[in-house]
């Protein structure tokens, strides 16, 4: 009897999955924006940081390390989907690079 485990590629060979992350992030932020508009009409920012924690949770399976919300989400949230996507993508890529250093 042999046990099989899912094995991920070594981190040093991994490239940041830019398009996959951006697509999922945009989808999640658009859903959050629609929900916020329905539940909290006129609420500013549209995408508050507390709601963005849910978005980070949806992204976690794409990463082989923890995503601390305080390192991904700007305090205070975002006024638009584009602003959120741009900021969070930069933060996610920075975290990815930190955890996937070449040669180490």
PDB file of N, CA and C in Angstrom:
ATOM      1  N   UNK A   1       0.846  -1.173   0.000  1.00  0.00           N
ATOM      2  CA  UNK A   1       0.000   0.000   0.000  1.00  0.00           C
ATOM      3  C   UNK A   1       0.894   1.239   0.000  1.00  0.00           C
ATOM      4  N   UNK A   2       0.675   2.100  -0.967  1.00  0.00           N
ATOM      5  CA  UNK A   2       1.487   3.313  -1.012  1.00  0.00           C
ATOM      6  C   UNK A   2       0.585   4.535  -0.943  1.00  0.00           C
ATOM      7  N   UNK A   3       1.027   5.497  -0.205  1.00  0.00           N
ATOM      8  CA  UNK A   3       0.269   6.743  -0.072  1.00  0.00           C
ATOM      9  C   UNK A   3       0.788   7.724  -1.107  1.00  0.00           C
ATOM     10  N   UNK A   4      -0.126   8.407  -1.743  1.00  0.00           N
ATOM     11  CA  UNK A   4       0.270   9.426  -2.706  1.00  0.00           C
ATOM     12  C   UNK A   4      -0.143  10.785  -2.183  1.00  0.00           C
ATOM     13  N   UNK A   5       0.749  11.724  -2.312  1.00  0.00           N
ATOM     14  CA  UNK A   5       0.463  13.087  -1.877  1.00  0.00           C
ATOM     15  C   UNK A   5       0.638  14.017  -3.068  1.00  0.00           C
ATOM     16  N   UNK A   6      -0.104  15.057  -3.055  1.00  0.00           N
ATOM     17  CA  UNK A   6       0.042  16.076  -4.079  1.00  0.00           C
ATOM     18  C   UNK A   6       1.339  16.830  -3.819  1.00  0.00           C
ATOM     19  N   UNK A   7       2.187  16.895  -4.830  1.00  0.00           N
ATOM     20  CA  UNK A   7       3.470  17.574  -4.675  1.00  0.00           C
ATOM     21  C   UNK A   7       3.495  18.785  -5.592  1.00  0.00           C
ATOM     22  N   UNK A   8       3.829  19.928  -5.027  1.00  0.00           N
ATOM     23  CA  UNK A   8       3.923  21.158  -5.813  1.00  0.00           C
ATOM     24  C   UNK A   8       5.305  21.270  -6.407  1.00  0.00           C
ATOM     25  N   UNK A   9       5.410  22.022  -7.496  1.00  0.00           N
ATOM     26  CA  UNK A   9       6.715  22.287  -8.073  1.00  0.00           C
ATOM     27  C   UNK A   9       7.566  23.030  -7.061  1.00  0.00           C
ATOM     28  N   UNK A  10       8.865  22.834  -7.095  1.00  0.00           N
ATOM     29  CA  UNK A  10       9.726  23.600  -6.188  1.00  0.00           C
ATOM     30  C   UNK A  10       9.514  25.090  -6.405  1.00  0.00           C
ATOM     31  N   UNK A  11       9.476  25.869  -5.335  1.00  0.00           N
ATOM     32  CA  UNK A  11       9.218  27.303  -5.459  1.00  0.00           C
ATOM     33  C   UNK A  11      10.124  28.017  -6.442  1.00  0.00           C
ATOM     34  N   UNK A  12      11.399  27.635  -6.518  1.00  0.00           N
ATOM     35  CA  UNK A  12      12.331  28.350  -7.376  1.00  0.00           C
ATOM     36  C   UNK A  12      11.976  28.222  -8.855  1.00  0.00           C
ATOM     37  N   UNK A  13      11.144  27.245  -9.219  1.00  0.00           N
ATOM     38  CA  UNK A  13      10.757  27.073 -10.612  1.00  0.00           C
ATOM     39  C   UNK A  13       9.395  27.707 -10.908  1.00  0.00           C
ATOM     40  N   UNK A  14       8.774  28.286  -9.909  1.00  0.00           N
ATOM     41  CA  UNK A  14       7.442  28.847 -10.069  1.00  0.00           C
ATOM     42  C   UNK A  14       7.509  30.295 -10.529  1.00  0.00           C
ATOM     43  N   UNK A  15       6.619  30.621 -11.453  1.00  0.00           N
ATOM     44  CA  UNK A  15       6.477  32.003 -11.892  1.00  0.00           C
ATOM     45  C   UNK A  15       5.162  32.529 -11.331  1.00  0.00           C
ATOM     46  N   UNK A  16       5.138  33.786 -10.989  1.00  0.00           N
ATOM     47  CA  UNK A  16       3.923  34.398 -10.466  1.00  0.00           C
ATOM     48  C   UNK A  16       2.807  34.216 -11.485  1.00  0.00           C
ATOM     49  N   UNK A  17       1.687  33.605 -11.099  1.00  0.00           N
ATOM     50  CA  UNK A  17       0.584  33.343 -12.032  1.00  0.00           C
ATOM     51  C   UNK A  17      -0.242  34.610 -12.284  1.00  0.00           C
ATOM     52  N   UNK A  18       0.376  35.590 -12.906  1.00  0.00           N
ATOM     53  CA  UNK A  18      -0.182  36.931 -13.061  1.00  0.00           C
ATOM     54  C   UNK A  18      -1.608  36.924 -13.607  1.00  0.00           C
ATOM     55  N   UNK A  19      -1.818  36.303 -14.752  1.00  0.00           N
ATOM     56  CA  UNK A  19      -3.136  36.347 -15.391  1.00  0.00           C
ATOM     57  C   UNK A  19      -4.204  35.653 -14.556  1.00  0.00           C
ATOM     58  N   UNK A  20      -3.884  34.486 -13.997  1.00  0.00           N
ATOM     59  CA  UNK A  20      -4.854  33.759 -13.171  1.00  0.00           C
ATOM     60  C   UNK A  20      -5.235  34.565 -11.939  1.00  0.00           C
ATOM     61  N   UNK A  21      -4.235  35.141 -11.278  1.00  0.00           N
ATOM     62  CA  UNK A  21      -4.487  35.929 -10.071  1.00  0.00           C
ATOM     63  C   UNK A  21      -5.291  37.175 -10.425  1.00  0.00           C
ATOM     64  N   UNK A  22      -4.892  37.869 -11.466  1.00  0.00           N
ATOM     65  CA  UNK A  22      -5.585  39.102 -11.870  1.00  0.00           C
ATOM     66  C   UNK A  22      -7.050  38.817 -12.227  1.00  0.00           C
ATOM     67  N   UNK A  23      -7.286  37.735 -12.964  1.00  0.00           N
ATOM     68  CA  UNK A  23      -8.648  37.376 -13.369  1.00  0.00           C
ATOM     69  C   UNK A  23      -9.521  37.070 -12.149  1.00  0.00           C
ATOM     70  N   UNK A  24      -9.026  36.246 -11.239  1.00  0.00           N
ATOM     71  CA  UNK A  24      -9.797  35.902 -10.048  1.00  0.00           C
ATOM     72  C   UNK A  24      -9.983  37.125  -9.149  1.00  0.00           C
ATOM     73  N   UNK A  25      -8.936  37.918  -8.998  1.00  0.00           N
ATOM     74  CA  UNK A  25      -9.011  39.109  -8.163  1.00  0.00           C
ATOM     75  C   UNK A  25     -10.060  40.086  -8.709  1.00  0.00           C
ATOM     76  N   UNK A  26     -10.032  40.329 -10.008  1.00  0.00           N
ATOM     77  CA  UNK A  26     -11.022  41.236 -10.622  1.00  0.00           C
ATOM     78  C   UNK A  26     -12.437  40.697 -10.418  1.00  0.00           C
ATOM     79  N   UNK A  27     -12.637  39.408 -10.624  1.00  0.00           N
ATOM     80  CA  UNK A  27     -13.956  38.795 -10.446  1.00  0.00           C
ATOM     81  C   UNK A  27     -14.443  38.980  -9.009  1.00  0.00           C
ATOM     82  N   UNK A  28     -13.575  38.683  -8.046  1.00  0.00           N
ATOM     83  CA  UNK A  28     -13.942  38.793  -6.630  1.00  0.00           C
ATOM     84  C   UNK A  28     -14.232  40.242  -6.238  1.00  0.00           C
ATOM     85  N   UNK A  29     -13.437  41.180  -6.734  1.00  0.00           N
ATOM     86  CA  UNK A  29     -13.655  42.590  -6.407  1.00  0.00           C
ATOM     87  C   UNK A  29     -14.930  43.127  -7.049  1.00  0.00           C
ATOM     88  N   UNK A  30     -15.228  42.685  -8.262  1.00  0.00           N
ATOM     89  CA  UNK A  30     -16.473  43.119  -8.900  1.00  0.00           C
ATOM     90  C   UNK A  30     -17.680  42.602  -8.119  1.00  0.00           C
ATOM     91  N   UNK A  31     -17.613  41.353  -7.676  1.00  0.00           N
ATOM     92  CA  UNK A  31     -18.701  40.803  -6.869  1.00  0.00           C
ATOM     93  C   UNK A  31     -18.836  41.571  -5.552  1.00  0.00           C
ATOM     94  N   UNK A  32     -17.709  41.901  -4.941  1.00  0.00           N
ATOM     95  CA  UNK A  32     -17.737  42.654  -3.685  1.00  0.00           C
ATOM     96  C   UNK A  32     -18.318  44.044  -3.903  1.00  0.00           C
ATOM     97  N   UNK A  33     -17.970  44.675  -5.022  1.00  0.00           N
ATOM     98  CA  UNK A  33     -18.492  46.002  -5.332  1.00  0.00           C
ATOM     99  C   UNK A  33     -20.011  45.956  -5.516  1.00  0.00           C
ATOM    100  N   UNK A  34     -20.489  44.949  -6.247  1.00  0.00           N
ATOM    101  CA  UNK A  34     -21.937  44.806  -6.461  1.00  0.00           C
ATOM    102  C   UNK A  34     -22.649  44.565  -5.134  1.00  0.00           C
ATOM    103  N   UNK A  35     -22.084  43.702  -4.314  1.00  0.00           N
ATOM    104  CA  UNK A  35     -22.678  43.398  -3.011  1.00  0.00           C
ATOM    105  C   UNK A  35     -22.696  44.634  -2.121  1.00  0.00           C
ATOM    106  N   UNK A  36     -21.606  45.374  -2.131  1.00  0.00           N
ATOM    107  CA  UNK A  36     -21.509  46.580  -1.313  1.00  0.00           C
ATOM    108  C   UNK A  36     -22.540  47.616  -1.749  1.00  0.00           C
ATOM    109  N   UNK A  37     -22.720  47.761  -3.059  1.00  0.00           N
ATOM    110  CA  UNK A  37     -23.701  48.710  -3.574  1.00  0.00           C
ATOM    111  C   UNK A  37     -25.119  48.341  -3.179  1.00  0.00           C
ATOM    112  N   UNK A  38     -25.386  47.050  -3.087  1.00  0.00           N
ATOM    113  CA  UNK A  38     -26.717  46.572  -2.704  1.00  0.00           C
ATOM    114  C   UNK A  38     -26.944  46.708  -1.206  1.00  0.00           C
ATOM    115  N   UNK A  39     -25.957  46.307  -0.426  1.00  0.00           N
ATOM    116  CA  UNK A  39     -26.111  46.295   1.035  1.00  0.00           C
ATOM    117  C   UNK A  39     -25.845  47.646   1.687  1.00  0.00           C
ATOM    118  N   UNK A  40     -24.919  48.398   1.107  1.00  0.00           N
ATOM    119  CA  UNK A  40     -24.480  49.653   1.741  1.00  0.00           C
ATOM    120  C   UNK A  40     -24.421  50.782   0.720  1.00  0.00           C
ATOM    121  N   UNK A  41     -25.521  51.117   0.128  1.00  0.00           N
ATOM    122  CA  UNK A  41     -25.556  52.151  -0.897  1.00  0.00           C
ATOM    123  C   UNK A  41     -24.932  53.443  -0.375  1.00  0.00           C
ATOM    124  N   UNK A  42     -24.017  53.990  -1.153  1.00  0.00           N
ATOM    125  CA  UNK A  42     -23.355  55.232  -0.787  1.00  0.00           C
ATOM    126  C   UNK A  42     -22.193  55.074   0.179  1.00  0.00           C
ATOM    127  N   UNK A  43     -21.900  53.859   0.584  1.00  0.00           N
ATOM    128  CA  UNK A  43     -20.820  53.576   1.531  1.00  0.00           C
ATOM    129  C   UNK A  43     -19.482  53.889   0.882  1.00  0.00           C
ATOM    130  N   UNK A  44     -18.621  54.548   1.597  1.00  0.00           N
ATOM    131  CA  UNK A  44     -17.265  54.841   1.121  1.00  0.00           C
ATOM    132  C   UNK A  44     -16.256  54.306   2.109  1.00  0.00           C
ATOM    133  N   UNK A  45     -15.226  53.637   1.694  1.00  0.00           N
ATOM    134  CA  UNK A  45     -14.967  53.255   0.313  1.00  0.00           C
ATOM    135  C   UNK A  45     -15.885  52.116  -0.115  1.00  0.00           C
ATOM    136  N   UNK A  46     -16.064  51.980  -1.400  1.00  0.00           N
ATOM    137  CA  UNK A  46     -16.931  50.938  -1.947  1.00  0.00           C
ATOM    138  C   UNK A  46     -16.430  49.567  -1.521  1.00  0.00           C
ATOM    139  N   UNK A  47     -15.120  49.386  -1.550  1.00  0.00           N
ATOM    140  CA  UNK A  47     -14.501  48.104  -1.190  1.00  0.00           C
ATOM    141  C   UNK A  47     -13.733  48.285   0.115  1.00  0.00           C
ATOM    142  N   UNK A  48     -14.429  48.130   1.231  1.00  0.00           N
ATOM    143  CA  UNK A  48     -13.769  48.344   2.519  1.00  0.00           C
ATOM    144  C   UNK A  48     -12.815  47.202   2.831  1.00  0.00           C
ATOM    145  N   UNK A  49     -11.819  47.485   3.654  1.00  0.00           N
ATOM    146  CA  UNK A  49     -10.763  46.515   3.932  1.00  0.00           C
ATOM    147  C   UNK A  49     -11.287  45.250   4.601  1.00  0.00           C
ATOM    148  N   UNK A  50     -12.319  45.350   5.402  1.00  0.00           N
ATOM    149  CA  UNK A  50     -12.884  44.161   6.041  1.00  0.00           C
ATOM    150  C   UNK A  50     -13.451  43.207   4.989  1.00  0.00           C
ATOM    151  N   UNK A  51     -14.162  43.731   4.014  1.00  0.00           N
ATOM    152  CA  UNK A  51     -14.712  42.893   2.938  1.00  0.00           C
ATOM    153  C   UNK A  51     -13.597  42.299   2.090  1.00  0.00           C
ATOM    154  N   UNK A  52     -12.484  42.998   1.975  1.00  0.00           N
ATOM    155  CA  UNK A  52     -11.382  42.527   1.152  1.00  0.00           C
ATOM    156  C   UNK A  52     -10.700  41.299   1.751  1.00  0.00           C
ATOM    157  N   UNK A  53     -10.847  41.092   3.056  1.00  0.00           N
ATOM    158  CA  UNK A  53     -10.293  39.885   3.683  1.00  0.00           C
ATOM    159  C   UNK A  53     -10.931  38.648   3.050  1.00  0.00           C
ATOM    160  N   UNK A  54     -12.199  38.712   2.721  1.00  0.00           N
ATOM    161  CA  UNK A  54     -12.890  37.607   2.055  1.00  0.00           C
ATOM    162  C   UNK A  54     -12.275  37.342   0.684  1.00  0.00           C
ATOM    163  N   UNK A  55     -11.902  38.395  -0.005  1.00  0.00           N
ATOM    164  CA  UNK A  55     -11.266  38.261  -1.315  1.00  0.00           C
ATOM    165  C   UNK A  55      -9.914  37.566  -1.164  1.00  0.00           C
ATOM    166  N   UNK A  56      -9.143  37.953  -0.174  1.00  0.00           N
ATOM    167  CA  UNK A  56      -7.843  37.325   0.069  1.00  0.00           C
ATOM    168  C   UNK A  56      -8.022  35.834   0.335  1.00  0.00           C
ATOM    169  N   UNK A  57      -9.041  35.491   1.099  1.00  0.00           N
ATOM    170  CA  UNK A  57      -9.321  34.088   1.396  1.00  0.00           C
ATOM    171  C   UNK A  57      -9.600  33.308   0.111  1.00  0.00           C
ATOM    172  N   UNK A  58     -10.308  33.905  -0.826  1.00  0.00           N
ATOM    173  CA  UNK A  58     -10.612  33.248  -2.096  1.00  0.00           C
ATOM    174  C   UNK A  58      -9.355  33.025  -2.940  1.00  0.00           C
ATOM    175  N   UNK A  59      -8.336  33.846  -2.738  1.00  0.00           N
ATOM    176  CA  UNK A  59      -7.097  33.732  -3.510  1.00  0.00           C
ATOM    177  C   UNK A  59      -6.098  32.747  -2.914  1.00  0.00           C
ATOM    178  N   UNK A  60      -6.233  32.426  -1.646  1.00  0.00           N
ATOM    179  CA  UNK A  60      -5.209  31.662  -0.937  1.00  0.00           C
ATOM    180  C   UNK A  60      -4.839  30.336  -1.576  1.00  0.00           C
ATOM    181  N   UNK A  61      -5.776  29.647  -2.191  1.00  0.00           N
ATOM    182  CA  UNK A  61      -5.454  28.346  -2.767  1.00  0.00           C
ATOM    183  C   UNK A  61      -4.492  28.441  -3.946  1.00  0.00           C
ATOM    184  N   UNK A  62      -4.311  29.632  -4.491  1.00  0.00           N
ATOM    185  CA  UNK A  62      -3.391  29.826  -5.612  1.00  0.00           C
ATOM    186  C   UNK A  62      -1.945  30.006  -5.141  1.00  0.00           C
ATOM    187  N   UNK A  63      -1.759  30.092  -3.836  1.00  0.00           N
ATOM    188  CA  UNK A  63      -0.441  30.368  -3.288  1.00  0.00           C
ATOM    189  C   UNK A  63       0.005  29.238  -2.363  1.00  0.00           C
ATOM    190  N   UNK A  64       1.300  29.004  -2.315  1.00  0.00           N
ATOM    191  CA  UNK A  64       1.830  27.960  -1.446  1.00  0.00           C
ATOM    192  C   UNK A  64       2.403  28.546  -0.154  1.00  0.00           C
ATOM    193  N   UNK A  65       1.887  29.689   0.235  1.00  0.00           N
ATOM    194  CA  UNK A  65       2.272  30.344   1.484  1.00  0.00           C
ATOM    195  C   UNK A  65       1.077  31.170   1.956  1.00  0.00           C
ATOM    196  N   UNK A  66       1.113  31.545   3.220  1.00  0.00           N
ATOM    197  CA  UNK A  66       0.011  32.325   3.808  1.00  0.00           C
ATOM    198  C   UNK A  66      -0.037  33.726   3.208  1.00  0.00           C
ATOM    199  N   UNK A  67      -1.245  34.243   3.080  1.00  0.00           N
ATOM    200  CA  UNK A  67      -1.449  35.612   2.597  1.00  0.00           C
ATOM    201  C   UNK A  67      -1.966  36.457   3.752  1.00  0.00           C
ATOM    202  N   UNK A  68      -1.058  37.116   4.484  1.00  0.00           N
ATOM    203  CA  UNK A  68      -1.525  37.966   5.578  1.00  0.00           C
ATOM    204  C   UNK A  68      -2.314  39.153   5.008  1.00  0.00           C
ATOM    205  N   UNK A  69      -3.585  39.286   5.366  1.00  0.00           N
ATOM    206  CA  UNK A  69      -4.402  40.376   4.805  1.00  0.00           C
ATOM    207  C   UNK A  69      -3.749  41.747   4.937  1.00  0.00           C
ATOM    208  N   UNK A  70      -3.072  42.001   6.046  1.00  0.00           N
ATOM    209  CA  UNK A  70      -2.460  43.316   6.242  1.00  0.00           C
ATOM    210  C   UNK A  70      -1.313  43.587   5.267  1.00  0.00           C
ATOM    211  N   UNK A  71      -0.794  42.533   4.619  1.00  0.00           N
ATOM    212  CA  UNK A  71       0.271  42.699   3.623  1.00  0.00           C
ATOM    213  C   UNK A  71      -0.293  42.778   2.202  1.00  0.00           C
ATOM    214  N   UNK A  72      -1.563  42.418   2.038  1.00  0.00           N
ATOM    215  CA  UNK A  72      -2.185  42.389   0.715  1.00  0.00           C
ATOM    216  C   UNK A  72      -3.121  43.572   0.505  1.00  0.00           C
ATOM    217  N   UNK A  73      -3.844  43.949   1.547  1.00  0.00           N
ATOM    218  CA  UNK A  73      -4.910  44.957   1.440  1.00  0.00           C
ATOM    219  C   UNK A  73      -4.439  46.303   2.008  1.00  0.00           C
ATOM    220  N   UNK A  74      -4.720  47.355   1.290  1.00  0.00           N
ATOM    221  CA  UNK A  74      -4.407  48.699   1.780  1.00  0.00           C
ATOM    222  C   UNK A  74      -5.402  49.061   2.883  1.00  0.00           C
ATOM    223  N   UNK A  75      -4.895  49.610   3.968  1.00  0.00           N
ATOM    224  CA  UNK A  75      -5.780  50.053   5.049  1.00  0.00           C
ATOM    225  C   UNK A  75      -6.787  51.046   4.504  1.00  0.00           C
ATOM    226  N   UNK A  76      -8.040  50.852   4.881  1.00  0.00           N
ATOM    227  CA  UNK A  76      -9.093  51.746   4.430  1.00  0.00           C
ATOM    228  C   UNK A  76      -9.836  51.258   3.204  1.00  0.00           C
ATOM    229  N   UNK A  77      -9.270  50.289   2.487  1.00  0.00           N
ATOM    230  CA  UNK A  77      -9.953  49.729   1.331  1.00  0.00           C
ATOM    231  C   UNK A  77      -9.701  50.509   0.055  1.00  0.00           C
ATOM    232  N   UNK A  78     -10.641  50.362  -0.891  1.00  0.00           N
ATOM    233  CA  UNK A  78     -10.460  50.908  -2.236  1.00  0.00           C
ATOM    234  C   UNK A  78     -11.733  51.584  -2.728  1.00  0.00           C
ATOM    235  N   UNK A  79     -11.548  52.630  -3.512  1.00  0.00           N
ATOM    236  CA  UNK A  79     -12.683  53.376  -4.060  1.00  0.00           C
ATOM    237  C   UNK A  79     -13.229  52.733  -5.327  1.00  0.00           C
ATOM    238  N   UNK A  80     -12.436  51.837  -5.956  1.00  0.00           N
ATOM    239  CA  UNK A  80     -12.892  51.209  -7.207  1.00  0.00           C
ATOM    240  C   UNK A  80     -12.249  49.835  -7.365  1.00  0.00           C
ATOM    241  N   UNK A  81     -12.823  49.050  -8.258  1.00  0.00           N
ATOM    242  CA  UNK A  81     -12.269  47.728  -8.574  1.00  0.00           C
ATOM    243  C   UNK A  81     -10.868  47.886  -9.153  1.00  0.00           C
ATOM    244  N   UNK A  82     -10.685  48.803 -10.087  1.00  0.00           N
ATOM    245  CA  UNK A  82      -9.366  48.987 -10.707  1.00  0.00           C
ATOM    246  C   UNK A  82      -8.306  49.351  -9.679  1.00  0.00           C
ATOM    247  N   UNK A  83      -8.641  50.240  -8.763  1.00  0.00           N
ATOM    248  CA  UNK A  83      -7.699  50.639  -7.720  1.00  0.00           C
ATOM    249  C   UNK A  83      -7.331  49.424  -6.857  1.00  0.00           C
ATOM    250  N   UNK A  84      -8.320  48.630  -6.497  1.00  0.00           N
ATOM    251  CA  UNK A  84      -8.079  47.437  -5.692  1.00  0.00           C
ATOM    252  C   UNK A  84      -7.231  46.413  -6.415  1.00  0.00           C
ATOM    253  N   UNK A  85      -7.554  46.158  -7.671  1.00  0.00           N
ATOM    254  CA  UNK A  85      -6.792  45.185  -8.457  1.00  0.00           C
ATOM    255  C   UNK A  85      -5.342  45.632  -8.566  1.00  0.00           C
ATOM    256  N   UNK A  86      -5.107  46.883  -8.930  1.00  0.00           N
ATOM    257  CA  UNK A  86      -3.733  47.374  -9.102  1.00  0.00           C
ATOM    258  C   UNK A  86      -2.928  47.252  -7.813  1.00  0.00           C
ATOM    259  N   UNK A  87      -3.484  47.720  -6.708  1.00  0.00           N
ATOM    260  CA  UNK A  87      -2.764  47.694  -5.442  1.00  0.00           C
ATOM    261  C   UNK A  87      -2.538  46.271  -4.944  1.00  0.00           C
ATOM    262  N   UNK A  88      -3.578  45.459  -4.977  1.00  0.00           N
ATOM    263  CA  UNK A  88      -3.454  44.098  -4.462  1.00  0.00           C
ATOM    264  C   UNK A  88      -2.544  43.246  -5.337  1.00  0.00           C
ATOM    265  N   UNK A  89      -2.564  43.445  -6.644  1.00  0.00           N
ATOM    266  CA  UNK A  89      -1.651  42.704  -7.534  1.00  0.00           C
ATOM    267  C   UNK A  89      -0.201  43.037  -7.198  1.00  0.00           C
ATOM    268  N   UNK A  90       0.095  44.311  -6.993  1.00  0.00           N
ATOM    269  CA  UNK A  90       1.462  44.698  -6.619  1.00  0.00           C
ATOM    270  C   UNK A  90       1.878  44.018  -5.322  1.00  0.00           C
ATOM    271  N   UNK A  91       0.984  44.036  -4.332  1.00  0.00           N
ATOM    272  CA  UNK A  91       1.295  43.437  -3.039  1.00  0.00           C
ATOM    273  C   UNK A  91       1.439  41.921  -3.140  1.00  0.00           C
ATOM    274  N   UNK A  92       0.572  41.284  -3.906  1.00  0.00           N
ATOM    275  CA  UNK A  92       0.650  39.834  -4.080  1.00  0.00           C
ATOM    276  C   UNK A  92       1.928  39.431  -4.811  1.00  0.00           C
ATOM    277  N   UNK A  93       2.291  40.179  -5.836  1.00  0.00           N
ATOM    278  CA  UNK A  93       3.525  39.868  -6.568  1.00  0.00           C
ATOM    279  C   UNK A  93       4.743  40.045  -5.663  1.00  0.00           C
ATOM    280  N   UNK A  94       4.733  41.088  -4.847  1.00  0.00           N
ATOM    281  CA  UNK A  94       5.839  41.326  -3.913  1.00  0.00           C
ATOM    282  C   UNK A  94       5.965  40.159  -2.930  1.00  0.00           C
ATOM    283  N   UNK A  95       4.846  39.694  -2.380  1.00  0.00           N
ATOM    284  CA  UNK A  95       4.870  38.550  -1.465  1.00  0.00           C
ATOM    285  C   UNK A  95       5.353  37.290  -2.173  1.00  0.00           C
ATOM    286  N   UNK A  96       4.893  37.086  -3.413  1.00  0.00           N
ATOM    287  CA  UNK A  96       5.307  35.926  -4.197  1.00  0.00           C
ATOM    288  C   UNK A  96       6.834  35.930  -4.371  1.00  0.00           C
ATOM    289  N   UNK A  97       7.359  37.073  -4.779  1.00  0.00           N
ATOM    290  CA  UNK A  97       8.803  37.180  -5.015  1.00  0.00           C
ATOM    291  C   UNK A  97       9.588  36.955  -3.733  1.00  0.00           C
ATOM    292  N   UNK A  98       9.082  37.437  -2.628  1.00  0.00           N
ATOM    293  CA  UNK A  98       9.744  37.231  -1.331  1.00  0.00           C
ATOM    294  C   UNK A  98       9.816  35.742  -0.983  1.00  0.00           C
ATOM    295  N   UNK A  99       8.752  34.995  -1.291  1.00  0.00           N
ATOM    296  CA  UNK A  99       8.692  33.575  -0.936  1.00  0.00           C
ATOM    297  C   UNK A  99       9.248  32.648  -2.004  1.00  0.00           C
ATOM    298  N   UNK A 100       9.574  33.172  -3.172  1.00  0.00           N
ATOM    299  CA  UNK A 100      10.072  32.354  -4.258  1.00  0.00           C
ATOM    300  C   UNK A 100      11.387  32.924  -4.797  1.00  0.00           C
ATOM    301  N   UNK A 101      12.282  33.238  -3.909  1.00  0.00           N
ATOM    302  CA  UNK A 101      13.571  33.780  -4.324  1.00  0.00           C
ATOM    303  C   UNK A 101      14.340  32.715  -5.102  1.00  0.00           C
ATOM    304  N   UNK A 102      14.952  33.141  -6.193  1.00  0.00           N
ATOM    305  CA  UNK A 102      15.746  32.218  -6.996  1.00  0.00           C
ATOM    306  C   UNK A 102      16.975  31.788  -6.207  1.00  0.00           C
ATOM    307  N   UNK A 103      17.240  30.512  -6.257  1.00  0.00           N
ATOM    308  CA  UNK A 103      18.426  29.957  -5.632  1.00  0.00           C
ATOM    309  C   UNK A 103      18.293  29.783  -4.147  1.00  0.00           C
ATOM    310  N   UNK A 104      17.103  29.940  -3.598  1.00  0.00           N
ATOM    311  CA  UNK A 104      17.017  29.786  -2.151  1.00  0.00           C
ATOM    312  C   UNK A 104      15.709  29.440  -1.752  1.00  0.00           C
TER     313      UNK A 104
END
